Amino acid sequence: MPPRYRVEIAPSAQRELSKLPRNVQKRIDERIRALAENPRPAGSRKLEEEEGFYRIRVGDYRIVYQVKDKVLIVLVIRIGHRREVYR
């Protein structure tokens, strides 16, 4: 069985999540929880600008996170609409 990662959400990402509609929050929460089992799921994309940063799509929203393999942590950095999340 592969090791489980600990998922941490940055306070700024938590605030961004809390501003979204409830149904979107639920879908995003499910995807974030799944990162503990597989931090690089199908459909995840490595961001070119930053080392170790990835993003996954949830409808029109994006979850930007960093994978720290040495300490088994997935750190969620940003959550937002696709037109705003990369700014």
PDB file of N, CA and C in Angstrom:
ATOM      1  N   MET A   1       0.850  -1.187   0.000  1.00  0.00           N
ATOM      2  CA  MET A   1       0.000   0.000   0.000  1.00  0.00           C
ATOM      3  C   MET A   1       0.894   1.248   0.000  1.00  0.00           C
ATOM      4  N   PRO A   2       0.658   2.200  -0.906  1.00  0.00           N
ATOM      5  CA  PRO A   2       1.492   3.407  -0.940  1.00  0.00           C
ATOM      6  C   PRO A   2       1.248   4.267   0.292  1.00  0.00           C
ATOM      7  N   PRO A   3       2.240   5.049   0.683  1.00  0.00           N
ATOM      8  CA  PRO A   3       2.075   5.886   1.879  1.00  0.00           C
ATOM      9  C   PRO A   3       1.009   6.957   1.668  1.00  0.00           C
ATOM     10  N   ARG A   4       0.328   7.307   2.763  1.00  0.00           N
ATOM     11  CA  ARG A   4      -0.666   8.378   2.724  1.00  0.00           C
ATOM     12  C   ARG A   4       0.027   9.706   2.968  1.00  0.00           C
ATOM     13  N   TYR A   5      -0.391  10.697   2.222  1.00  0.00           N
ATOM     14  CA  TYR A   5       0.114  12.051   2.409  1.00  0.00           C
ATOM     15  C   TYR A   5      -0.798  12.787   3.378  1.00  0.00           C
ATOM     16  N   ARG A   6      -0.233  13.719   4.121  1.00  0.00           N
ATOM     17  CA  ARG A   6      -1.036  14.592   4.976  1.00  0.00           C
ATOM     18  C   ARG A   6      -1.388  15.822   4.134  1.00  0.00           C
ATOM     19  N   VAL A   7      -2.647  16.181   4.111  1.00  0.00           N
ATOM     20  CA  VAL A   7      -3.093  17.334   3.325  1.00  0.00           C
ATOM     21  C   VAL A   7      -3.254  18.522   4.257  1.00  0.00           C
ATOM     22  N   GLU A   8      -2.588  19.614   3.904  1.00  0.00           N
ATOM     23  CA  GLU A   8      -2.707  20.863   4.660  1.00  0.00           C
ATOM     24  C   GLU A   8      -3.229  21.934   3.721  1.00  0.00           C
ATOM     25  N   ILE A   9      -4.075  22.798   4.246  1.00  0.00           N
ATOM     26  CA  ILE A   9      -4.638  23.883   3.443  1.00  0.00           C
ATOM     27  C   ILE A   9      -4.156  25.204   4.033  1.00  0.00           C
ATOM     28  N   ALA A  10      -3.511  26.014   3.195  1.00  0.00           N
ATOM     29  CA  ALA A  10      -3.038  27.326   3.643  1.00  0.00           C
ATOM     30  C   ALA A  10      -4.239  28.164   4.080  1.00  0.00           C
ATOM     31  N   PRO A  11      -4.064  29.015   5.096  1.00  0.00           N
ATOM     32  CA  PRO A  11      -5.192  29.851   5.560  1.00  0.00           C
ATOM     33  C   PRO A  11      -5.826  30.674   4.435  1.00  0.00           C
ATOM     34  N   SER A  12      -5.014  31.182   3.519  1.00  0.00           N
ATOM     35  CA  SER A  12      -5.567  31.970   2.411  1.00  0.00           C
ATOM     36  C   SER A  12      -6.434  31.094   1.506  1.00  0.00           C
ATOM     37  N   ALA A  13      -6.018  29.850   1.277  1.00  0.00           N
ATOM     38  CA  ALA A  13      -6.815  28.926   0.452  1.00  0.00           C
ATOM     39  C   ALA A  13      -8.107  28.560   1.171  1.00  0.00           C
ATOM     40  N   GLN A  14      -8.048  28.434   2.488  1.00  0.00           N
ATOM     41  CA  GLN A  14      -9.254  28.126   3.267  1.00  0.00           C
ATOM     42  C   GLN A  14     -10.265  29.263   3.146  1.00  0.00           C
ATOM     43  N   ARG A  15      -9.778  30.505   3.183  1.00  0.00           N
ATOM     44  CA  ARG A  15     -10.666  31.667   3.012  1.00  0.00           C
ATOM     45  C   ARG A  15     -11.278  31.679   1.615  1.00  0.00           C
ATOM     46  N   GLU A  16     -10.450  31.386   0.599  1.00  0.00           N
ATOM     47  CA  GLU A  16     -10.965  31.349  -0.771  1.00  0.00           C
ATOM     48  C   GLU A  16     -12.060  30.293  -0.903  1.00  0.00           C
ATOM     49  N   LEU A  17     -11.839  29.133  -0.296  1.00  0.00           N
ATOM     50  CA  LEU A  17     -12.813  28.050  -0.344  1.00  0.00           C
ATOM     51  C   LEU A  17     -14.121  28.452   0.329  1.00  0.00           C
ATOM     52  N   SER A  18     -14.022  29.128   1.469  1.00  0.00           N
ATOM     53  CA  SER A  18     -15.230  29.482   2.226  1.00  0.00           C
ATOM     54  C   SER A  18     -16.109  30.489   1.484  1.00  0.00           C
ATOM     55  N   LYS A  19     -15.551  31.212   0.522  1.00  0.00           N
ATOM     56  CA  LYS A  19     -16.327  32.201  -0.239  1.00  0.00           C
ATOM     57  C   LYS A  19     -17.107  31.584  -1.402  1.00  0.00           C
ATOM     58  N   LEU A  20     -16.825  30.324  -1.716  1.00  0.00           N
ATOM     59  CA  LEU A  20     -17.459  29.680  -2.862  1.00  0.00           C
ATOM     60  C   LEU A  20     -18.829  29.118  -2.488  1.00  0.00           C
ATOM     61  N   PRO A  21     -19.691  28.881  -3.489  1.00  0.00           N
ATOM     62  CA  PRO A  21     -21.002  28.272  -3.214  1.00  0.00           C
ATOM     63  C   PRO A  21     -20.841  26.895  -2.557  1.00  0.00           C
ATOM     64  N   ARG A  22     -21.800  26.528  -1.730  1.00  0.00           N
ATOM     65  CA  ARG A  22     -21.727  25.268  -0.964  1.00  0.00           C
ATOM     66  C   ARG A  22     -21.505  24.040  -1.849  1.00  0.00           C
ATOM     67  N   ASN A  23     -22.214  23.955  -2.975  1.00  0.00           N
ATOM     68  CA  ASN A  23     -22.075  22.768  -3.819  1.00  0.00           C
ATOM     69  C   ASN A  23     -20.664  22.679  -4.405  1.00  0.00           C
ATOM     70  N   VAL A  24     -20.058  23.814  -4.725  1.00  0.00           N
ATOM     71  CA  VAL A  24     -18.684  23.837  -5.244  1.00  0.00           C
ATOM     72  C   VAL A  24     -17.716  23.476  -4.118  1.00  0.00           C
ATOM     73  N   GLN A  25     -17.962  24.006  -2.925  1.00  0.00           N
ATOM     74  CA  GLN A  25     -17.110  23.680  -1.769  1.00  0.00           C
ATOM     75  C   GLN A  25     -17.050  22.173  -1.550  1.00  0.00           C
ATOM     76  N   LYS A  26     -18.210  21.530  -1.645  1.00  0.00           N
ATOM     77  CA  LYS A  26     -18.273  20.083  -1.407  1.00  0.00           C
ATOM     78  C   LYS A  26     -17.450  19.322  -2.444  1.00  0.00           C
ATOM     79  N   ARG A  27     -17.582  19.692  -3.720  1.00  0.00           N
ATOM     80  CA  ARG A  27     -16.831  19.018  -4.780  1.00  0.00           C
ATOM     81  C   ARG A  27     -15.333  19.235  -4.617  1.00  0.00           C
ATOM     82  N   ILE A  28     -14.940  20.462  -4.274  1.00  0.00           N
ATOM     83  CA  ILE A  28     -13.519  20.764  -4.081  1.00  0.00           C
ATOM     84  C   ILE A  28     -12.977  20.012  -2.869  1.00  0.00           C
ATOM     85  N   ASP A  29     -13.748  19.966  -1.793  1.00  0.00           N
ATOM     86  CA  ASP A  29     -13.323  19.254  -0.585  1.00  0.00           C
ATOM     87  C   ASP A  29     -13.066  17.774  -0.883  1.00  0.00           C
ATOM     88  N   GLU A  30     -13.931  17.171  -1.681  1.00  0.00           N
ATOM     89  CA  GLU A  30     -13.741  15.755  -2.044  1.00  0.00           C
ATOM     90  C   GLU A  30     -12.443  15.556  -2.812  1.00  0.00           C
ATOM     91  N   ARG A  31     -12.153  16.462  -3.745  1.00  0.00           N
ATOM     92  CA  ARG A  31     -10.918  16.347  -4.531  1.00  0.00           C
ATOM     93  C   ARG A  31      -9.687  16.558  -3.655  1.00  0.00           C
ATOM     94  N   ILE A  32      -9.762  17.499  -2.715  1.00  0.00           N
ATOM     95  CA  ILE A  32      -8.628  17.746  -1.814  1.00  0.00           C
ATOM     96  C   ILE A  32      -8.372  16.523  -0.940  1.00  0.00           C
ATOM     97  N   ARG A  33      -9.421  15.918  -0.402  1.00  0.00           N
ATOM     98  CA  ARG A  33      -9.259  14.719   0.430  1.00  0.00           C
ATOM     99  C   ARG A  33      -8.625  13.572  -0.363  1.00  0.00           C
ATOM    100  N   ALA A  34      -8.980  13.456  -1.646  1.00  0.00           N
ATOM    101  CA  ALA A  34      -8.439  12.391  -2.485  1.00  0.00           C
ATOM    102  C   ALA A  34      -6.938  12.557  -2.714  1.00  0.00           C
ATOM    103  N   LEU A  35      -6.418  13.776  -2.561  1.00  0.00           N
ATOM    104  CA  LEU A  35      -4.987  14.007  -2.748  1.00  0.00           C
ATOM    105  C   LEU A  35      -4.139  13.270  -1.711  1.00  0.00           C
ATOM    106  N   ALA A  36      -4.716  12.924  -0.568  1.00  0.00           N
ATOM    107  CA  ALA A  36      -3.981  12.179   0.459  1.00  0.00           C
ATOM    108  C   ALA A  36      -3.587  10.799  -0.053  1.00  0.00           C
ATOM    109  N   GLU A  37      -4.454  10.205  -0.864  1.00  0.00           N
ATOM    110  CA  GLU A  37      -4.177   8.882  -1.427  1.00  0.00           C
ATOM    111  C   GLU A  37      -3.291   8.960  -2.667  1.00  0.00           C
ATOM    112  N   ASN A  38      -3.553   9.956  -3.515  1.00  0.00           N
ATOM    113  CA  ASN A  38      -2.825  10.088  -4.773  1.00  0.00           C
ATOM    114  C   ASN A  38      -2.592  11.573  -5.045  1.00  0.00           C
ATOM    115  N   PRO A  39      -1.406  12.102  -4.721  1.00  0.00           N
ATOM    116  CA  PRO A  39      -1.160  13.536  -4.894  1.00  0.00           C
ATOM    117  C   PRO A  39      -1.011  13.974  -6.350  1.00  0.00           C
ATOM    118  N   ARG A  40      -0.915  13.008  -7.251  1.00  0.00           N
ATOM    119  CA  ARG A  40      -0.818  13.347  -8.679  1.00  0.00           C
ATOM    120  C   ARG A  40      -1.855  12.546  -9.465  1.00  0.00           C
ATOM    121  N   PRO A  41      -3.149  12.852  -9.251  1.00  0.00           N
ATOM    122  CA  PRO A  41      -4.198  12.076  -9.919  1.00  0.00           C
ATOM    123  C   PRO A  41      -4.232  12.348 -11.427  1.00  0.00           C
ATOM    124  N   ALA A  42      -4.949  11.510 -12.144  1.00  0.00           N
ATOM    125  CA  ALA A  42      -5.140  11.738 -13.580  1.00  0.00           C
ATOM    126  C   ALA A  42      -5.772  13.109 -13.763  1.00  0.00           C
ATOM    127  N   GLY A  43      -5.270  13.851 -14.703  1.00  0.00           N
ATOM    128  CA  GLY A  43      -5.799  15.193 -14.945  1.00  0.00           C
ATOM    129  C   GLY A  43      -5.047  16.287 -14.216  1.00  0.00           C
ATOM    130  N   SER A  44      -4.160  15.922 -13.298  1.00  0.00           N
ATOM    131  CA  SER A  44      -3.373  16.958 -12.624  1.00  0.00           C
ATOM    132  C   SER A  44      -2.293  17.433 -13.589  1.00  0.00           C
ATOM    133  N   ARG A  45      -1.949  18.701 -13.484  1.00  0.00           N
ATOM    134  CA  ARG A  45      -0.928  19.277 -14.358  1.00  0.00           C
ATOM    135  C   ARG A  45       0.155  19.922 -13.510  1.00  0.00           C
ATOM    136  N   LYS A  46       1.391  19.689 -13.892  1.00  0.00           N
ATOM    137  CA  LYS A  46       2.521  20.332 -13.220  1.00  0.00           C
ATOM    138  C   LYS A  46       2.608  21.754 -13.747  1.00  0.00           C
ATOM    139  N   LEU A  47       2.740  22.721 -12.841  1.00  0.00           N
ATOM    140  CA  LEU A  47       2.863  24.111 -13.260  1.00  0.00           C
ATOM    141  C   LEU A  47       4.320  24.389 -13.619  1.00  0.00           C
ATOM    142  N   GLU A  48       4.523  25.046 -14.741  1.00  0.00           N
ATOM    143  CA  GLU A  48       5.884  25.271 -15.219  1.00  0.00           C
ATOM    144  C   GLU A  48       6.629  26.333 -14.426  1.00  0.00           C
ATOM    145  N   GLU A  49       5.919  27.328 -13.907  1.00  0.00           N
ATOM    146  CA  GLU A  49       6.582  28.437 -13.226  1.00  0.00           C
ATOM    147  C   GLU A  49       7.223  28.030 -11.903  1.00  0.00           C
ATOM    148  N   GLU A  50       6.596  27.131 -11.194  1.00  0.00           N
ATOM    149  CA  GLU A  50       7.030  26.786  -9.844  1.00  0.00           C
ATOM    150  C   GLU A  50       7.430  25.314  -9.752  1.00  0.00           C
ATOM    151  N   GLU A  51       8.459  25.044  -9.004  1.00  0.00           N
ATOM    152  CA  GLU A  51       8.933  23.679  -8.818  1.00  0.00           C
ATOM    153  C   GLU A  51       8.030  22.940  -7.837  1.00  0.00           C
ATOM    154  N   GLY A  52       7.543  21.778  -8.234  1.00  0.00           N
ATOM    155  CA  GLY A  52       6.736  20.953  -7.337  1.00  0.00           C
ATOM    156  C   GLY A  52       5.295  21.391  -7.178  1.00  0.00           C
ATOM    157  N   PHE A  53       4.831  22.324  -8.006  1.00  0.00           N
ATOM    158  CA  PHE A  53       3.462  22.796  -7.909  1.00  0.00           C
ATOM    159  C   PHE A  53       2.604  22.133  -8.984  1.00  0.00           C
ATOM    160  N   TYR A  54       1.380  21.808  -8.610  1.00  0.00           N
ATOM    161  CA  TYR A  54       0.433  21.150  -9.501  1.00  0.00           C
ATOM    162  C   TYR A  54      -0.908  21.853  -9.413  1.00  0.00           C
ATOM    163  N   ARG A  55      -1.768  21.553 -10.390  1.00  0.00           N
ATOM    164  CA  ARG A  55      -3.143  22.044 -10.311  1.00  0.00           C
ATOM    165  C   ARG A  55      -4.074  20.956 -10.799  1.00  0.00           C
ATOM    166  N   ILE A  56      -5.256  20.935 -10.204  1.00  0.00           N
ATOM    167  CA  ILE A  56      -6.307  20.048 -10.681  1.00  0.00           C
ATOM    168  C   ILE A  56      -7.553  20.885 -10.924  1.00  0.00           C
ATOM    169  N   ARG A  57      -8.357  20.421 -11.867  1.00  0.00           N
ATOM    170  CA  ARG A  57      -9.591  21.106 -12.245  1.00  0.00           C
ATOM    171  C   ARG A  57     -10.767  20.519 -11.480  1.00  0.00           C
ATOM    172  N   VAL A  58     -11.666  21.401 -11.070  1.00  0.00           N
ATOM    173  CA  VAL A  58     -12.958  20.997 -10.520  1.00  0.00           C
ATOM    174  C   VAL A  58     -13.966  21.933 -11.175  1.00  0.00           C
ATOM    175  N   GLY A  59     -14.474  21.517 -12.329  1.00  0.00           N
ATOM    176  CA  GLY A  59     -15.361  22.388 -13.094  1.00  0.00           C
ATOM    177  C   GLY A  59     -14.590  23.621 -13.550  1.00  0.00           C
ATOM    178  N   ASP A  60     -15.131  24.807 -13.264  1.00  0.00           N
ATOM    179  CA  ASP A  60     -14.462  26.058 -13.627  1.00  0.00           C
ATOM    180  C   ASP A  60     -13.456  26.506 -12.570  1.00  0.00           C
ATOM    181  N   TYR A  61     -13.262  25.712 -11.544  1.00  0.00           N
ATOM    182  CA  TYR A  61     -12.364  26.079 -10.448  1.00  0.00           C
ATOM    183  C   TYR A  61     -11.075  25.272 -10.514  1.00  0.00           C
ATOM    184  N   ARG A  62     -10.031  25.821  -9.905  1.00  0.00           N
ATOM    185  CA  ARG A  62      -8.738  25.164  -9.886  1.00  0.00           C
ATOM    186  C   ARG A  62      -8.225  25.087  -8.456  1.00  0.00           C
ATOM    187  N   ILE A  63      -7.538  23.992  -8.166  1.00  0.00           N
ATOM    188  CA  ILE A  63      -6.856  23.809  -6.883  1.00  0.00           C
ATOM    189  C   ILE A  63      -5.370  23.780  -7.205  1.00  0.00           C
ATOM    190  N   VAL A  64      -4.626  24.728  -6.678  1.00  0.00           N
ATOM    191  CA  VAL A  64      -3.178  24.775  -6.887  1.00  0.00           C
ATOM    192  C   VAL A  64      -2.533  24.291  -5.586  1.00  0.00           C
ATOM    193  N   TYR A  65      -1.632  23.315  -5.727  1.00  0.00           N
ATOM    194  CA  TYR A  65      -1.028  22.727  -4.526  1.00  0.00           C
ATOM    195  C   TYR A  65       0.411  22.327  -4.786  1.00  0.00           C
ATOM    196  N   GLN A  66       1.120  22.110  -3.687  1.00  0.00           N
ATOM    197  CA  GLN A  66       2.519  21.702  -3.750  1.00  0.00           C
ATOM    198  C   GLN A  66       2.643  20.329  -3.113  1.00  0.00           C
ATOM    199  N   VAL A  67       3.431  19.463  -3.741  1.00  0.00           N
ATOM    200  CA  VAL A  67       3.667  18.125  -3.204  1.00  0.00           C
ATOM    201  C   VAL A  67       5.072  18.087  -2.623  1.00  0.00           C
ATOM    202  N   LYS A  68       5.156  17.726  -1.342  1.00  0.00           N
ATOM    203  CA  LYS A  68       6.451  17.584  -0.672  1.00  0.00           C
ATOM    204  C   LYS A  68       6.641  16.103  -0.369  1.00  0.00           C
ATOM    205  N   ASP A  69       7.271  15.407  -1.318  1.00  0.00           N
ATOM    206  CA  ASP A  69       7.401  13.947  -1.211  1.00  0.00           C
ATOM    207  C   ASP A  69       8.251  13.491  -0.032  1.00  0.00           C
ATOM    208  N   LYS A  70       9.265  14.250   0.320  1.00  0.00           N
ATOM    209  CA  LYS A  70      10.175  13.815   1.398  1.00  0.00           C
ATOM    210  C   LYS A  70       9.474  13.731   2.749  1.00  0.00           C
ATOM    211  N   VAL A  71       8.493  14.604   2.963  1.00  0.00           N
ATOM    212  CA  VAL A  71       7.782  14.614   4.247  1.00  0.00           C
ATOM    213  C   VAL A  71       6.317  14.189   4.108  1.00  0.00           C
ATOM    214  N   LEU A  72       5.932  13.730   2.899  1.00  0.00           N
ATOM    215  CA  LEU A  72       4.575  13.234   2.624  1.00  0.00           C
ATOM    216  C   LEU A  72       3.489  14.258   2.973  1.00  0.00           C
ATOM    217  N   ILE A  73       3.653  15.457   2.431  1.00  0.00           N
ATOM    218  CA  ILE A  73       2.669  16.518   2.660  1.00  0.00           C
ATOM    219  C   ILE A  73       2.195  17.067   1.317  1.00  0.00           C
ATOM    220  N   VAL A  74       0.893  17.294   1.224  1.00  0.00           N
ATOM    221  CA  VAL A  74       0.306  18.027   0.101  1.00  0.00           C
ATOM    222  C   VAL A  74      -0.196  19.340   0.692  1.00  0.00           C
ATOM    223  N   LEU A  75       0.344  20.455   0.208  1.00  0.00           N
ATOM    224  CA  LEU A  75      -0.028  21.771   0.722  1.00  0.00           C
ATOM    225  C   LEU A  75      -0.852  22.503  -0.329  1.00  0.00           C
ATOM    226  N   VAL A  76      -2.131  22.740  -0.027  1.00  0.00           N
ATOM    227  CA  VAL A  76      -3.019  23.461  -0.939  1.00  0.00           C
ATOM    228  C   VAL A  76      -2.733  24.950  -0.774  1.00  0.00           C
ATOM    229  N   ILE A  77      -2.343  25.595  -1.883  1.00  0.00           N
ATOM    230  CA  ILE A  77      -1.925  26.996  -1.862  1.00  0.00           C
ATOM    231  C   ILE A  77      -3.055  27.940  -2.261  1.00  0.00           C
ATOM    232  N   ARG A  78      -3.751  27.623  -3.365  1.00  0.00           N
ATOM    233  CA  ARG A  78      -4.791  28.492  -3.891  1.00  0.00           C
ATOM    234  C   ARG A  78      -5.990  27.673  -4.330  1.00  0.00           C
ATOM    235  N   ILE A  79      -7.158  28.266  -4.193  1.00  0.00           N
ATOM    236  CA  ILE A  79      -8.402  27.697  -4.714  1.00  0.00           C
ATOM    237  C   ILE A  79      -9.152  28.862  -5.322  1.00  0.00           C
ATOM    238  N   GLY A  80      -9.542  28.723  -6.589  1.00  0.00           N
ATOM    239  CA  GLY A  80     -10.276  29.828  -7.185  1.00  0.00           C
ATOM    240  C   GLY A  80     -10.756  29.522  -8.582  1.00  0.00           C
ATOM    241  N   HIS A  81     -11.494  30.483  -9.124  1.00  0.00           N
ATOM    242  CA  HIS A  81     -12.013  30.363 -10.485  1.00  0.00           C
ATOM    243  C   HIS A  81     -10.843  30.366 -11.456  1.00  0.00           C
ATOM    244  N   ARG A  82     -10.989  29.660 -12.554  1.00  0.00           N
ATOM    245  CA  ARG A  82      -9.883  29.488 -13.496  1.00  0.00           C
ATOM    246  C   ARG A  82      -9.355  30.800 -14.051  1.00  0.00           C
ATOM    247  N   ARG A  83     -10.189  31.819 -14.163  1.00  0.00           N
ATOM    248  CA  ARG A  83      -9.703  33.087 -14.727  1.00  0.00           C
ATOM    249  C   ARG A  83      -8.919  33.922 -13.702  1.00  0.00           C
ATOM    250  N   GLU A  84      -8.997  33.558 -12.417  1.00  0.00           N
ATOM    251  CA  GLU A  84      -8.352  34.359 -11.373  1.00  0.00           C
ATOM    252  C   GLU A  84      -7.243  33.648 -10.622  1.00  0.00           C
ATOM    253  N   VAL A  85      -7.236  32.333 -10.625  1.00  0.00           N
ATOM    254  CA  VAL A  85      -6.377  31.580  -9.710  1.00  0.00           C
ATOM    255  C   VAL A  85      -4.881  31.724 -10.005  1.00  0.00           C
ATOM    256  N   TYR A  86      -4.503  32.011 -11.234  1.00  0.00           N
ATOM    257  CA  TYR A  86      -3.078  32.067 -11.577  1.00  0.00           C
ATOM    258  C   TYR A  86      -2.470  33.448 -11.408  1.00  0.00           C
ATOM    259  N   ARG A  87      -3.255  34.427 -11.034  1.00  0.00           N
ATOM    260  CA  ARG A  87      -2.745  35.811 -10.884  1.00  0.00           C
ATOM    261  C   ARG A  87      -1.939  35.980  -9.636  1.00  0.00           C
TER     262      ARG A  87
END
